[in-house]
Amino acid sequence: QPGTTIQVSGLQFNGLSQATAYGDDSQTATNYPLVRILNKQSNHLRYCRTFDHTTVVGGNTIPSMGVATGAAVVTTNVEIPADIELGDSSLFVVANGIPSQPFDVAIGRRPSSLVF
């Protein structure tokens, strides 16, 4: 539902590395999950704010931005824009610039969480 926050869980949301860094004047890390939603009818693409990333380690849920998390389940909160188009859409999680397989969502209904 537009204007709400959902949780999305899956593997490798933080990618395999921080991507790039050199010296003391550049830190362009990409080890955080991006979420984008593609409306299937209009093909409009929206990026969503993600925050409060956690990882399950040894049965405990911890705040984490660690990379190369392997089989550990990573969860992130996703803020659905209030002005997003309604209708059938595809949700993608992007890590290190690489999108996940699409997950079908219907914008306008109220899901509580998604698991990849």
PDB file of N, CA and C in Angstrom:
ATOM      1  N   GLN A   1       0.852  -1.170   0.000  1.00  0.00           N
ATOM      2  CA  GLN A   1       0.000   0.000   0.000  1.00  0.00           C
ATOM      3  C   GLN A   1       0.902   1.239   0.000  1.00  0.00           C
ATOM      4  N   PRO A   2       0.610   2.205  -0.841  1.00  0.00           N
ATOM      5  CA  PRO A   2       1.428   3.421  -0.887  1.00  0.00           C
ATOM      6  C   PRO A   2       1.506   4.103   0.479  1.00  0.00           C
ATOM      7  N   GLY A   3       2.670   4.638   0.789  1.00  0.00           N
ATOM      8  CA  GLY A   3       2.861   5.359   2.036  1.00  0.00           C
ATOM      9  C   GLY A   3       3.106   4.483   3.244  1.00  0.00           C
ATOM     10  N   THR A   4       3.320   3.187   3.044  1.00  0.00           N
ATOM     11  CA  THR A   4       3.568   2.278   4.156  1.00  0.00           C
ATOM     12  C   THR A   4       4.997   1.747   4.097  1.00  0.00           C
ATOM     13  N   THR A   5       5.369   1.044   5.143  1.00  0.00           N
ATOM     14  CA  THR A   5       6.673   0.389   5.200  1.00  0.00           C
ATOM     15  C   THR A   5       6.458  -1.114   5.266  1.00  0.00           C
ATOM     16  N   ILE A   6       7.196  -1.841   4.432  1.00  0.00           N
ATOM     17  CA  ILE A   6       7.143  -3.301   4.442  1.00  0.00           C
ATOM     18  C   ILE A   6       8.534  -3.828   4.766  1.00  0.00           C
ATOM     19  N   GLN A   7       8.606  -5.107   5.100  1.00  0.00           N
ATOM     20  CA  GLN A   7       9.897  -5.760   5.284  1.00  0.00           C
ATOM     21  C   GLN A   7      10.122  -6.745   4.152  1.00  0.00           C
ATOM     22  N   VAL A   8      11.357  -6.779   3.658  1.00  0.00           N
ATOM     23  CA  VAL A   8      11.754  -7.707   2.608  1.00  0.00           C
ATOM     24  C   VAL A   8      12.943  -8.494   3.140  1.00  0.00           C
ATOM     25  N   SER A   9      12.906  -9.812   2.986  1.00  0.00           N
ATOM     26  CA  SER A   9      13.988 -10.668   3.467  1.00  0.00           C
ATOM     27  C   SER A   9      14.521 -11.530   2.343  1.00  0.00           C
ATOM     28  N   GLY A  10      15.807 -11.838   2.412  1.00  0.00           N
ATOM     29  CA  GLY A  10      16.420 -12.695   1.411  1.00  0.00           C
ATOM     30  C   GLY A  10      17.896 -12.883   1.694  1.00  0.00           C
ATOM     31  N   LEU A  11      18.625 -13.310   0.675  1.00  0.00           N
ATOM     32  CA  LEU A  11      20.051 -13.589   0.802  1.00  0.00           C
ATOM     33  C   LEU A  11      20.875 -12.589   0.006  1.00  0.00           C
ATOM     34  N   GLN A  12      22.062 -12.273   0.523  1.00  0.00           N
ATOM     35  CA  GLN A  12      23.051 -11.455  -0.182  1.00  0.00           C
ATOM     36  C   GLN A  12      22.571 -10.034  -0.509  1.00  0.00           C
ATOM     37  N   PHE A  13      21.662  -9.477   0.292  1.00  0.00           N
ATOM     38  CA  PHE A  13      21.169  -8.115   0.044  1.00  0.00           C
ATOM     39  C   PHE A  13      22.287  -7.078   0.090  1.00  0.00           C
ATOM     40  N   ASN A  14      23.364  -7.368   0.813  1.00  0.00           N
ATOM     41  CA  ASN A  14      24.454  -6.406   0.941  1.00  0.00           C
ATOM     42  C   ASN A  14      25.581  -6.676  -0.042  1.00  0.00           C
ATOM     43  N   GLY A  15      25.362  -7.571  -0.977  1.00  0.00           N
ATOM     44  CA  GLY A  15      26.352  -7.846  -2.007  1.00  0.00           C
ATOM     45  C   GLY A  15      27.546  -8.620  -1.491  1.00  0.00           C
ATOM     46  N   LEU A  16      28.550  -8.725  -2.345  1.00  0.00           N
ATOM     47  CA  LEU A  16      29.749  -9.490  -2.021  1.00  0.00           C
ATOM     48  C   LEU A  16      30.923  -8.622  -1.601  1.00  0.00           C
ATOM     49  N   SER A  17      30.822  -7.309  -1.814  1.00  0.00           N
ATOM     50  CA  SER A  17      31.899  -6.401  -1.419  1.00  0.00           C
ATOM     51  C   SER A  17      31.325  -5.003  -1.249  1.00  0.00           C
ATOM     52  N   GLN A  18      32.165  -4.078  -0.778  1.00  0.00           N
ATOM     53  CA  GLN A  18      31.741  -2.683  -0.713  1.00  0.00           C
ATOM     54  C   GLN A  18      31.945  -2.002  -2.052  1.00  0.00           C
ATOM     55  N   ALA A  19      32.479  -2.720  -3.008  1.00  0.00           N
ATOM     56  CA  ALA A  19      32.675  -2.295  -4.395  1.00  0.00           C
ATOM     57  C   ALA A  19      33.964  -1.529  -4.591  1.00  0.00           C
ATOM     58  N   THR A  20      34.070  -0.271  -4.161  1.00  0.00           N
ATOM     59  CA  THR A  20      35.282   0.495  -4.449  1.00  0.00           C
ATOM     60  C   THR A  20      35.682   1.360  -3.270  1.00  0.00           C
ATOM     61  N   ALA A  21      36.961   1.578  -3.174  1.00  0.00           N
ATOM     62  CA  ALA A  21      37.517   2.517  -2.195  1.00  0.00           C
ATOM     63  C   ALA A  21      38.982   2.708  -2.543  1.00  0.00           C
ATOM     64  N   TYR A  22      39.488   3.900  -2.348  1.00  0.00           N
ATOM     65  CA  TYR A  22      40.920   4.115  -2.524  1.00  0.00           C
ATOM     66  C   TYR A  22      41.365   5.276  -1.658  1.00  0.00           C
ATOM     67  N   GLY A  23      42.563   5.139  -1.151  1.00  0.00           N
ATOM     68  CA  GLY A  23      43.133   6.211  -0.347  1.00  0.00           C
ATOM     69  C   GLY A  23      42.214   6.665   0.766  1.00  0.00           C
ATOM     70  N   ASP A  24      42.288   7.948   1.059  1.00  0.00           N
ATOM     71  CA  ASP A  24      41.447   8.509   2.106  1.00  0.00           C
ATOM     72  C   ASP A  24      40.448   9.524   1.559  1.00  0.00           C
ATOM     73  N   ASP A  25      40.262   9.528   0.234  1.00  0.00           N
ATOM     74  CA  ASP A  25      39.377  10.549  -0.334  1.00  0.00           C
ATOM     75  C   ASP A  25      38.216   9.996  -1.150  1.00  0.00           C
ATOM     76  N   SER A  26      37.982   8.683  -1.104  1.00  0.00           N
ATOM     77  CA  SER A  26      36.832   8.144  -1.831  1.00  0.00           C
ATOM     78  C   SER A  26      36.321   6.883  -1.164  1.00  0.00           C
ATOM     79  N   GLN A  27      35.074   6.902  -0.800  1.00  0.00           N
ATOM     80  CA  GLN A  27      34.386   5.738  -0.254  1.00  0.00           C
ATOM     81  C   GLN A  27      33.032   5.662  -0.942  1.00  0.00           C
ATOM     82  N   THR A  28      32.941   4.882  -1.985  1.00  0.00           N
ATOM     83  CA  THR A  28      31.700   4.793  -2.762  1.00  0.00           C
ATOM     84  C   THR A  28      31.062   3.418  -2.588  1.00  0.00           C
ATOM     85  N   ALA A  29      30.825   3.048  -1.344  1.00  0.00           N
ATOM     86  CA  ALA A  29      30.316   1.718  -1.030  1.00  0.00           C
ATOM     87  C   ALA A  29      28.958   1.462  -1.676  1.00  0.00           C
ATOM     88  N   THR A  30      28.764   0.226  -2.104  1.00  0.00           N
ATOM     89  CA  THR A  30      27.476  -0.196  -2.672  1.00  0.00           C
ATOM     90  C   THR A  30      26.913  -1.379  -1.902  1.00  0.00           C
ATOM     91  N   ASN A  31      27.346  -1.570  -0.662  1.00  0.00           N
ATOM     92  CA  ASN A  31      26.916  -2.732   0.109  1.00  0.00           C
ATOM     93  C   ASN A  31      25.639  -2.459   0.904  1.00  0.00           C
ATOM     94  N   TYR A  32      24.687  -1.847   0.269  1.00  0.00           N
ATOM     95  CA  TYR A  32      23.392  -1.645   0.901  1.00  0.00           C
ATOM     96  C   TYR A  32      22.331  -1.966  -0.145  1.00  0.00           C
ATOM     97  N   PRO A  33      21.213  -2.564   0.288  1.00  0.00           N
ATOM     98  CA  PRO A  33      20.202  -2.958  -0.690  1.00  0.00           C
ATOM     99  C   PRO A  33      19.386  -1.768  -1.191  1.00  0.00           C
ATOM    100  N   LEU A  34      19.216  -1.713  -2.490  1.00  0.00           N
ATOM    101  CA  LEU A  34      18.278  -0.784  -3.111  1.00  0.00           C
ATOM    102  C   LEU A  34      17.040  -1.584  -3.477  1.00  0.00           C
ATOM    103  N   VAL A  35      15.886  -0.980  -3.398  1.00  0.00           N
ATOM    104  CA  VAL A  35      14.651  -1.633  -3.845  1.00  0.00           C
ATOM    105  C   VAL A  35      14.012  -0.752  -4.893  1.00  0.00           C
ATOM    106  N   ARG A  36      13.639  -1.375  -5.996  1.00  0.00           N
ATOM    107  CA  ARG A  36      12.944  -0.644  -7.051  1.00  0.00           C
ATOM    108  C   ARG A  36      11.688  -1.412  -7.433  1.00  0.00           C
ATOM    109  N   ILE A  37      10.671  -0.653  -7.838  1.00  0.00           N
ATOM    110  CA  ILE A  37       9.385  -1.237  -8.215  1.00  0.00           C
ATOM    111  C   ILE A  37       9.042  -0.769  -9.620  1.00  0.00           C
ATOM    112  N   LEU A  38       8.761  -1.728 -10.489  1.00  0.00           N
ATOM    113  CA  LEU A  38       8.419  -1.458 -11.882  1.00  0.00           C
ATOM    114  C   LEU A  38       6.942  -1.746 -12.093  1.00  0.00           C
ATOM    115  N   ASN A  39       6.167  -0.715 -12.458  1.00  0.00           N
ATOM    116  CA  ASN A  39       4.750  -0.893 -12.761  1.00  0.00           C
ATOM    117  C   ASN A  39       4.635  -1.624 -14.096  1.00  0.00           C
ATOM    118  N   LYS A  40       3.912  -2.743 -14.110  1.00  0.00           N
ATOM    119  CA  LYS A  40       3.840  -3.583 -15.310  1.00  0.00           C
ATOM    120  C   LYS A  40       3.055  -2.943 -16.448  1.00  0.00           C
ATOM    121  N   GLN A  41       2.123  -2.052 -16.145  1.00  0.00           N
ATOM    122  CA  GLN A  41       1.324  -1.436 -17.202  1.00  0.00           C
ATOM    123  C   GLN A  41       2.023  -0.220 -17.809  1.00  0.00           C
ATOM    124  N   SER A  42       2.520   0.674 -16.967  1.00  0.00           N
ATOM    125  CA  SER A  42       3.114   1.919 -17.474  1.00  0.00           C
ATOM    126  C   SER A  42       4.625   1.812 -17.710  1.00  0.00           C
ATOM    127  N   ASN A  43       5.254   0.772 -17.130  1.00  0.00           N
ATOM    128  CA  ASN A  43       6.714   0.615 -17.156  1.00  0.00           C
ATOM    129  C   ASN A  43       7.445   1.734 -16.417  1.00  0.00           C
ATOM    130  N   HIS A  44       6.749   2.453 -15.536  1.00  0.00           N
ATOM    131  CA  HIS A  44       7.405   3.459 -14.703  1.00  0.00           C
ATOM    132  C   HIS A  44       8.159   2.752 -13.583  1.00  0.00           C
ATOM    133  N   LEU A  45       9.369   3.217 -13.318  1.00  0.00           N
ATOM    134  CA  LEU A  45      10.243   2.615 -12.320  1.00  0.00           C
ATOM    135  C   LEU A  45      10.416   3.574 -11.152  1.00  0.00           C
ATOM    136  N   ARG A  46      10.220   3.077  -9.931  1.00  0.00           N
ATOM    137  CA  ARG A  46      10.402   3.891  -8.723  1.00  0.00           C
ATOM    138  C   ARG A  46      11.390   3.209  -7.797  1.00  0.00           C
ATOM    139  N   TYR A  47      12.297   3.992  -7.240  1.00  0.00           N
ATOM    140  CA  TYR A  47      13.199   3.493  -6.208  1.00  0.00           C
ATOM    141  C   TYR A  47      12.600   3.818  -4.849  1.00  0.00           C
ATOM    142  N   CYS A  48      12.795   2.924  -3.886  1.00  0.00           N
ATOM    143  CA  CYS A  48      12.220   3.067  -2.554  1.00  0.00           C
ATOM    144  C   CYS A  48      13.335   3.202  -1.519  1.00  0.00           C
ATOM    145  N   ARG A  49      13.063   3.956  -0.482  1.00  0.00           N
ATOM    146  CA  ARG A  49      14.010   4.098   0.631  1.00  0.00           C
ATOM    147  C   ARG A  49      14.096   2.773   1.384  1.00  0.00           C
ATOM    148  N   THR A  50      15.324   2.332   1.690  1.00  0.00           N
ATOM    149  CA  THR A  50      15.530   1.154   2.532  1.00  0.00           C
ATOM    150  C   THR A  50      16.269   1.585   3.793  1.00  0.00           C
ATOM    151  N   PHE A  51      15.980   0.901   4.902  1.00  0.00           N
ATOM    152  CA  PHE A  51      16.601   1.280   6.175  1.00  0.00           C
ATOM    153  C   PHE A  51      16.479   0.153   7.188  1.00  0.00           C
ATOM    154  N   ASP A  52      17.232   0.265   8.280  1.00  0.00           N
ATOM    155  CA  ASP A  52      17.224  -0.711   9.379  1.00  0.00           C
ATOM    156  C   ASP A  52      17.477  -2.131   8.874  1.00  0.00           C
ATOM    157  N   HIS A  53      18.629  -2.330   8.249  1.00  0.00           N
ATOM    158  CA  HIS A  53      19.005  -3.636   7.718  1.00  0.00           C
ATOM    159  C   HIS A  53      19.456  -4.540   8.869  1.00  0.00           C
ATOM    160  N   THR A  54      19.026  -5.796   8.860  1.00  0.00           N
ATOM    161  CA  THR A  54      19.437  -6.757   9.879  1.00  0.00           C
ATOM    162  C   THR A  54      19.859  -8.060   9.213  1.00  0.00           C
ATOM    163  N   THR A  55      20.654  -8.837   9.943  1.00  0.00           N
ATOM    164  CA  THR A  55      21.099 -10.149   9.492  1.00  0.00           C
ATOM    165  C   THR A  55      20.883 -11.130  10.633  1.00  0.00           C
ATOM    166  N   VAL A  56      20.469 -12.355  10.300  1.00  0.00           N
ATOM    167  CA  VAL A  56      20.329 -13.404  11.302  1.00  0.00           C
ATOM    168  C   VAL A  56      21.645 -14.175  11.353  1.00  0.00           C
ATOM    169  N   VAL A  57      22.293 -14.145  12.521  1.00  0.00           N
ATOM    170  CA  VAL A  57      23.571 -14.828  12.722  1.00  0.00           C
ATOM    171  C   VAL A  57      23.449 -15.715  13.958  1.00  0.00           C
ATOM    172  N   GLY A  58      23.631 -17.007  13.782  1.00  0.00           N
ATOM    173  CA  GLY A  58      23.548 -17.930  14.913  1.00  0.00           C
ATOM    174  C   GLY A  58      22.218 -17.880  15.629  1.00  0.00           C
ATOM    175  N   GLY A  59      21.148 -17.641  14.893  1.00  0.00           N
ATOM    176  CA  GLY A  59      19.818 -17.566  15.477  1.00  0.00           C
ATOM    177  C   GLY A  59      19.471 -16.216  16.070  1.00  0.00           C
ATOM    178  N   ASN A  60      20.415 -15.291  16.082  1.00  0.00           N
ATOM    179  CA  ASN A  60      20.181 -13.950  16.624  1.00  0.00           C
ATOM    180  C   ASN A  60      20.080 -12.933  15.500  1.00  0.00           C
ATOM    181  N   THR A  61      19.137 -12.014  15.610  1.00  0.00           N
ATOM    182  CA  THR A  61      18.984 -10.939  14.634  1.00  0.00           C
ATOM    183  C   THR A  61      19.794  -9.741  15.106  1.00  0.00           C
ATOM    184  N   ILE A  62      20.719  -9.284  14.239  1.00  0.00           N
ATOM    185  CA  ILE A  62      21.578  -8.166  14.606  1.00  0.00           C
ATOM    186  C   ILE A  62      21.537  -7.096  13.519  1.00  0.00           C
ATOM    187  N   PRO A  63      21.656  -5.809  13.900  1.00  0.00           N
ATOM    188  CA  PRO A  63      21.797  -4.763  12.882  1.00  0.00           C
ATOM    189  C   PRO A  63      23.092  -5.025  12.123  1.00  0.00           C
ATOM    190  N   SER A  64      23.034  -4.978  10.799  1.00  0.00           N
ATOM    191  CA  SER A  64      24.235  -5.338  10.049  1.00  0.00           C
ATOM    192  C   SER A  64      24.241  -4.761   8.651  1.00  0.00           C
ATOM    193  N   MET A  65      25.421  -4.320   8.230  1.00  0.00           N
ATOM    194  CA  MET A  65      25.673  -3.942   6.841  1.00  0.00           C
ATOM    195  C   MET A  65      26.822  -4.783   6.304  1.00  0.00           C
ATOM    196  N   GLY A  66      27.053  -5.947   6.923  1.00  0.00           N
ATOM    197  CA  GLY A  66      28.149  -6.812   6.510  1.00  0.00           C
ATOM    198  C   GLY A  66      27.980  -7.288   5.078  1.00  0.00           C
ATOM    199  N   VAL A  67      29.094  -7.572   4.431  1.00  0.00           N
ATOM    200  CA  VAL A  67      29.068  -8.052   3.050  1.00  0.00           C
ATOM    201  C   VAL A  67      29.332  -9.549   3.021  1.00  0.00           C
ATOM    202  N   ALA A  68      29.011 -10.172   1.883  1.00  0.00           N
ATOM    203  CA  ALA A  68      29.237 -11.605   1.681  1.00  0.00           C
ATOM    204  C   ALA A  68      28.636 -12.403   2.838  1.00  0.00           C
ATOM    205  N   THR A  69      27.349 -12.209   3.092  1.00  0.00           N
ATOM    206  CA  THR A  69      26.674 -12.823   4.231  1.00  0.00           C
ATOM    207  C   THR A  69      26.285 -14.275   3.990  1.00  0.00           C
ATOM    208  N   GLY A  70      26.558 -14.804   2.798  1.00  0.00           N
ATOM    209  CA  GLY A  70      26.317 -16.219   2.518  1.00  0.00           C
ATOM    210  C   GLY A  70      24.862 -16.604   2.669  1.00  0.00           C
ATOM    211  N   ALA A  71      24.611 -17.635   3.494  1.00  0.00           N
ATOM    212  CA  ALA A  71      23.253 -18.151   3.668  1.00  0.00           C
ATOM    213  C   ALA A  71      22.486 -17.441   4.779  1.00  0.00           C
ATOM    214  N   ALA A  72      23.072 -16.408   5.380  1.00  0.00           N
ATOM    215  CA  ALA A  72      22.381 -15.662   6.437  1.00  0.00           C
ATOM    216  C   ALA A  72      21.238 -14.847   5.835  1.00  0.00           C
ATOM    217  N   VAL A  73      20.097 -14.881   6.490  1.00  0.00           N
ATOM    218  CA  VAL A  73      18.937 -14.121   6.016  1.00  0.00           C
ATOM    219  C   VAL A  73      19.119 -12.651   6.382  1.00  0.00           C
ATOM    220  N   VAL A  74      18.993 -11.791   5.376  1.00  0.00           N
ATOM    221  CA  VAL A  74      19.088 -10.344   5.555  1.00  0.00           C
ATOM    222  C   VAL A  74      17.685  -9.767   5.385  1.00  0.00           C
ATOM    223  N   THR A  75      17.307  -8.851   6.261  1.00  0.00           N
ATOM    224  CA  THR A  75      15.998  -8.199   6.186  1.00  0.00           C
ATOM    225  C   THR A  75      16.213  -6.697   6.139  1.00  0.00           C
ATOM    226  N   THR A  76      15.410  -6.023   5.342  1.00  0.00           N
ATOM    227  CA  THR A  76      15.458  -4.567   5.294  1.00  0.00           C
ATOM    228  C   THR A  76      14.033  -4.028   5.276  1.00  0.00           C
ATOM    229  N   ASN A  77      13.863  -2.846   5.839  1.00  0.00           N
ATOM    230  CA  ASN A  77      12.585  -2.151   5.755  1.00  0.00           C
ATOM    231  C   ASN A  77      12.567  -1.342   4.470  1.00  0.00           C
ATOM    232  N   VAL A  78      11.419  -1.327   3.818  1.00  0.00           N
ATOM    233  CA  VAL A  78      11.253  -0.634   2.539  1.00  0.00           C
ATOM    234  C   VAL A  78      10.071   0.317   2.658  1.00  0.00           C
ATOM    235  N   GLU A  79      10.330   1.594   2.393  1.00  0.00           N
ATOM    236  CA  GLU A  79       9.274   2.605   2.426  1.00  0.00           C
ATOM    237  C   GLU A  79       8.671   2.724   1.028  1.00  0.00           C
ATOM    238  N   ILE A  80       7.392   2.383   0.902  1.00  0.00           N
ATOM    239  CA  ILE A  80       6.704   2.477  -0.384  1.00  0.00           C
ATOM    240  C   ILE A  80       6.274   3.936  -0.571  1.00  0.00           C
ATOM    241  N   PRO A  81       6.696   4.582  -1.661  1.00  0.00           N
ATOM    242  CA  PRO A  81       6.348   5.998  -1.856  1.00  0.00           C
ATOM    243  C   PRO A  81       4.833   6.222  -1.834  1.00  0.00           C
ATOM    244  N   ALA A  82       4.416   7.300  -1.204  1.00  0.00           N
ATOM    245  CA  ALA A  82       2.988   7.608  -1.098  1.00  0.00           C
ATOM    246  C   ALA A  82       2.353   7.861  -2.458  1.00  0.00           C
ATOM    247  N   ASP A  83       3.149   8.318  -3.432  1.00  0.00           N
ATOM    248  CA  ASP A  83       2.591   8.657  -4.742  1.00  0.00           C
ATOM    249  C   ASP A  83       2.907   7.613  -5.818  1.00  0.00           C
ATOM    250  N   ILE A  84       3.220   6.388  -5.406  1.00  0.00           N
ATOM    251  CA  ILE A  84       3.528   5.342  -6.380  1.00  0.00           C
ATOM    252  C   ILE A  84       2.255   4.921  -7.115  1.00  0.00           C
ATOM    253  N   GLU A  85       2.406   4.529  -8.369  1.00  0.00           N
ATOM    254  CA  GLU A  85       1.257   4.082  -9.160  1.00  0.00           C
ATOM    255  C   GLU A  85       0.708   2.770  -8.606  1.00  0.00           C
ATOM    256  N   LEU A  86      -0.606   2.647  -8.639  1.00  0.00           N
ATOM    257  CA  LEU A  86      -1.258   1.420  -8.195  1.00  0.00           C
ATOM    258  C   LEU A  86      -1.244   0.392  -9.314  1.00  0.00           C
ATOM    259  N   GLY A  87      -1.374  -0.863  -8.929  1.00  0.00           N
ATOM    260  CA  GLY A  87      -1.488  -1.928  -9.920  1.00  0.00           C
ATOM    261  C   GLY A  87      -0.398  -2.974  -9.792  1.00  0.00           C
ATOM    262  N   ASP A  88      -0.474  -3.949 -10.690  1.00  0.00           N
ATOM    263  CA  ASP A  88       0.498  -5.034 -10.694  1.00  0.00           C
ATOM    264  C   ASP A  88       1.883  -4.507 -11.030  1.00  0.00           C
ATOM    265  N   SER A  89       2.855  -4.930 -10.247  1.00  0.00           N
ATOM    266  CA  SER A  89       4.220  -4.426 -10.382  1.00  0.00           C
ATOM    267  C   SER A  89       5.210  -5.542 -10.099  1.00  0.00           C
ATOM    268  N   SER A  90       6.471  -5.268 -10.396  1.00  0.00           N
ATOM    269  CA  SER A  90       7.571  -6.173 -10.058  1.00  0.00           C
ATOM    270  C   SER A  90       8.504  -5.453  -9.104  1.00  0.00           C
ATOM    271  N   LEU A  91       8.868  -6.129  -8.006  1.00  0.00           N
ATOM    272  CA  LEU A  91       9.791  -5.580  -7.025  1.00  0.00           C
ATOM    273  C   LEU A  91      11.146  -6.259  -7.215  1.00  0.00           C
ATOM    274  N   PHE A  92      12.214  -5.463  -7.218  1.00  0.00           N
ATOM    275  CA  PHE A  92      13.575  -5.969  -7.352  1.00  0.00           C
ATOM    276  C   PHE A  92      14.402  -5.459  -6.179  1.00  0.00           C
ATOM    277  N   VAL A  93      15.275  -6.296  -5.651  1.00  0.00           N
ATOM    278  CA  VAL A  93      16.285  -5.860  -4.697  1.00  0.00           C
ATOM    279  C   VAL A  93      17.596  -5.803  -5.473  1.00  0.00           C
ATOM    280  N   VAL A  94      18.313  -4.687  -5.369  1.00  0.00           N
ATOM    281  CA  VAL A  94      19.554  -4.491  -6.119  1.00  0.00           C
ATOM    282  C   VAL A  94      20.720  -4.438  -5.135  1.00  0.00           C
ATOM    283  N   ALA A  95      21.720  -5.299  -5.351  1.00  0.00           N
ATOM    284  CA  ALA A  95      22.931  -5.309  -4.525  1.00  0.00           C
ATOM    285  C   ALA A  95      24.142  -5.213  -5.436  1.00  0.00           C
ATOM    286  N   ASN A  96      25.051  -4.311  -5.142  1.00  0.00           N
ATOM    287  CA  ASN A  96      26.245  -4.085  -5.971  1.00  0.00           C
ATOM    288  C   ASN A  96      25.873  -3.850  -7.428  1.00  0.00           C
ATOM    289  N   GLY A  97      24.734  -3.214  -7.661  1.00  0.00           N
ATOM    290  CA  GLY A  97      24.300  -2.900  -9.020  1.00  0.00           C
ATOM    291  C   GLY A  97      23.640  -4.046  -9.749  1.00  0.00           C
ATOM    292  N   ILE A  98      23.471  -5.187  -9.102  1.00  0.00           N
ATOM    293  CA  ILE A  98      22.890  -6.370  -9.742  1.00  0.00           C
ATOM    294  C   ILE A  98      21.487  -6.591  -9.183  1.00  0.00           C
ATOM    295  N   PRO A  99      20.449  -6.550 -10.046  1.00  0.00           N
ATOM    296  CA  PRO A  99      19.080  -6.741  -9.559  1.00  0.00           C
ATOM    297  C   PRO A  99      18.760  -8.211  -9.314  1.00  0.00           C
ATOM    298  N   SER A 100      17.878  -8.442  -8.353  1.00  0.00           N
ATOM    299  CA  SER A 100      17.360  -9.781  -8.100  1.00  0.00           C
ATOM    300  C   SER A 100      16.388 -10.168  -9.208  1.00  0.00           C
ATOM    301  N   GLN A 101      15.926 -11.389  -9.148  1.00  0.00           N
ATOM    302  CA  GLN A 101      14.810 -11.786  -9.992  1.00  0.00           C
ATOM    303  C   GLN A 101      13.589 -10.981  -9.530  1.00  0.00           C
ATOM    304  N   PRO A 102      12.640 -10.703 -10.427  1.00  0.00           N
ATOM    305  CA  PRO A 102      11.466  -9.916 -10.019  1.00  0.00           C
ATOM    306  C   PRO A 102      10.571 -10.699  -9.071  1.00  0.00           C
ATOM    307  N   PHE A 103       9.959  -9.969  -8.149  1.00  0.00           N
ATOM    308  CA  PHE A 103       8.964 -10.525  -7.244  1.00  0.00           C
ATOM    309  C   PHE A 103       7.670  -9.785  -7.523  1.00  0.00           C
ATOM    310  N   ASP A 104       6.623 -10.519  -7.909  1.00  0.00           N
ATOM    311  CA  ASP A 104       5.350  -9.887  -8.258  1.00  0.00           C
ATOM    312  C   ASP A 104       4.671  -9.312  -7.019  1.00  0.00           C
ATOM    313  N   VAL A 105       4.268  -8.055  -7.110  1.00  0.00           N
ATOM    314  CA  VAL A 105       3.534  -7.385  -6.040  1.00  0.00           C
ATOM    315  C   VAL A 105       2.356  -6.640  -6.652  1.00  0.00           C
ATOM    316  N   ALA A 106       1.330  -6.438  -5.854  1.00  0.00           N
ATOM    317  CA  ALA A 106       0.172  -5.649  -6.272  1.00  0.00           C
ATOM    318  C   ALA A 106       0.137  -4.405  -5.396  1.00  0.00           C
ATOM    319  N   ILE A 107       0.475  -3.269  -5.950  1.00  0.00           N
ATOM    320  CA  ILE A 107       0.474  -2.022  -5.187  1.00  0.00           C
ATOM    321  C   ILE A 107      -0.979  -1.597  -4.998  1.00  0.00           C
ATOM    322  N   GLY A 108      -1.343  -1.393  -3.751  1.00  0.00           N
ATOM    323  CA  GLY A 108      -2.718  -1.044  -3.418  1.00  0.00           C
ATOM    324  C   GLY A 108      -3.262  -1.989  -2.370  1.00  0.00           C
ATOM    325  N   ARG A 109      -2.685  -3.194  -2.314  1.00  0.00           N
ATOM    326  CA  ARG A 109      -3.001  -4.132  -1.240  1.00  0.00           C
ATOM    327  C   ARG A 109      -1.943  -3.963  -0.170  1.00  0.00           C
ATOM    328  N   ARG A 110      -2.212  -4.434   1.016  1.00  0.00           N
ATOM    329  CA  ARG A 110      -1.289  -4.187   2.127  1.00  0.00           C
ATOM    330  C   ARG A 110      -0.538  -5.459   2.545  1.00  0.00           C
ATOM    331  N   PRO A 111       0.642  -5.735   1.939  1.00  0.00           N
ATOM    332  CA  PRO A 111       1.445  -6.863   2.414  1.00  0.00           C
ATOM    333  C   PRO A 111       2.208  -6.469   3.672  1.00  0.00           C
ATOM    334  N   SER A 112       2.459  -7.437   4.539  1.00  0.00           N
ATOM    335  CA  SER A 112       3.227  -7.123   5.742  1.00  0.00           C
ATOM    336  C   SER A 112       4.700  -7.451   5.571  1.00  0.00           C
ATOM    337  N   SER A 113       5.015  -8.459   4.749  1.00  0.00           N
ATOM    338  CA  SER A 113       6.420  -8.771   4.493  1.00  0.00           C
ATOM    339  C   SER A 113       6.530  -9.612   3.237  1.00  0.00           C
ATOM    340  N   LEU A 114       7.710  -9.592   2.646  1.00  0.00           N
ATOM    341  CA  LEU A 114       8.008 -10.379   1.458  1.00  0.00           C
ATOM    342  C   LEU A 114       9.261 -11.169   1.740  1.00  0.00           C
ATOM    343  N   VAL A 115       9.284 -12.425   1.302  1.00  0.00           N
ATOM    344  CA  VAL A 115      10.463 -13.258   1.487  1.00  0.00           C
ATOM    345  C   VAL A 115      10.899 -13.771   0.137  1.00  0.00           C
ATOM    346  N   PHE A 116      12.168 -13.549  -0.214  1.00  0.00           N
ATOM    347  CA  PHE A 116      12.715 -14.047  -1.477  1.00  0.00           C
ATOM    348  C   PHE A 116      13.309 -15.404  -1.247  1.00  0.00           C
TER     349      PHE A 116
END
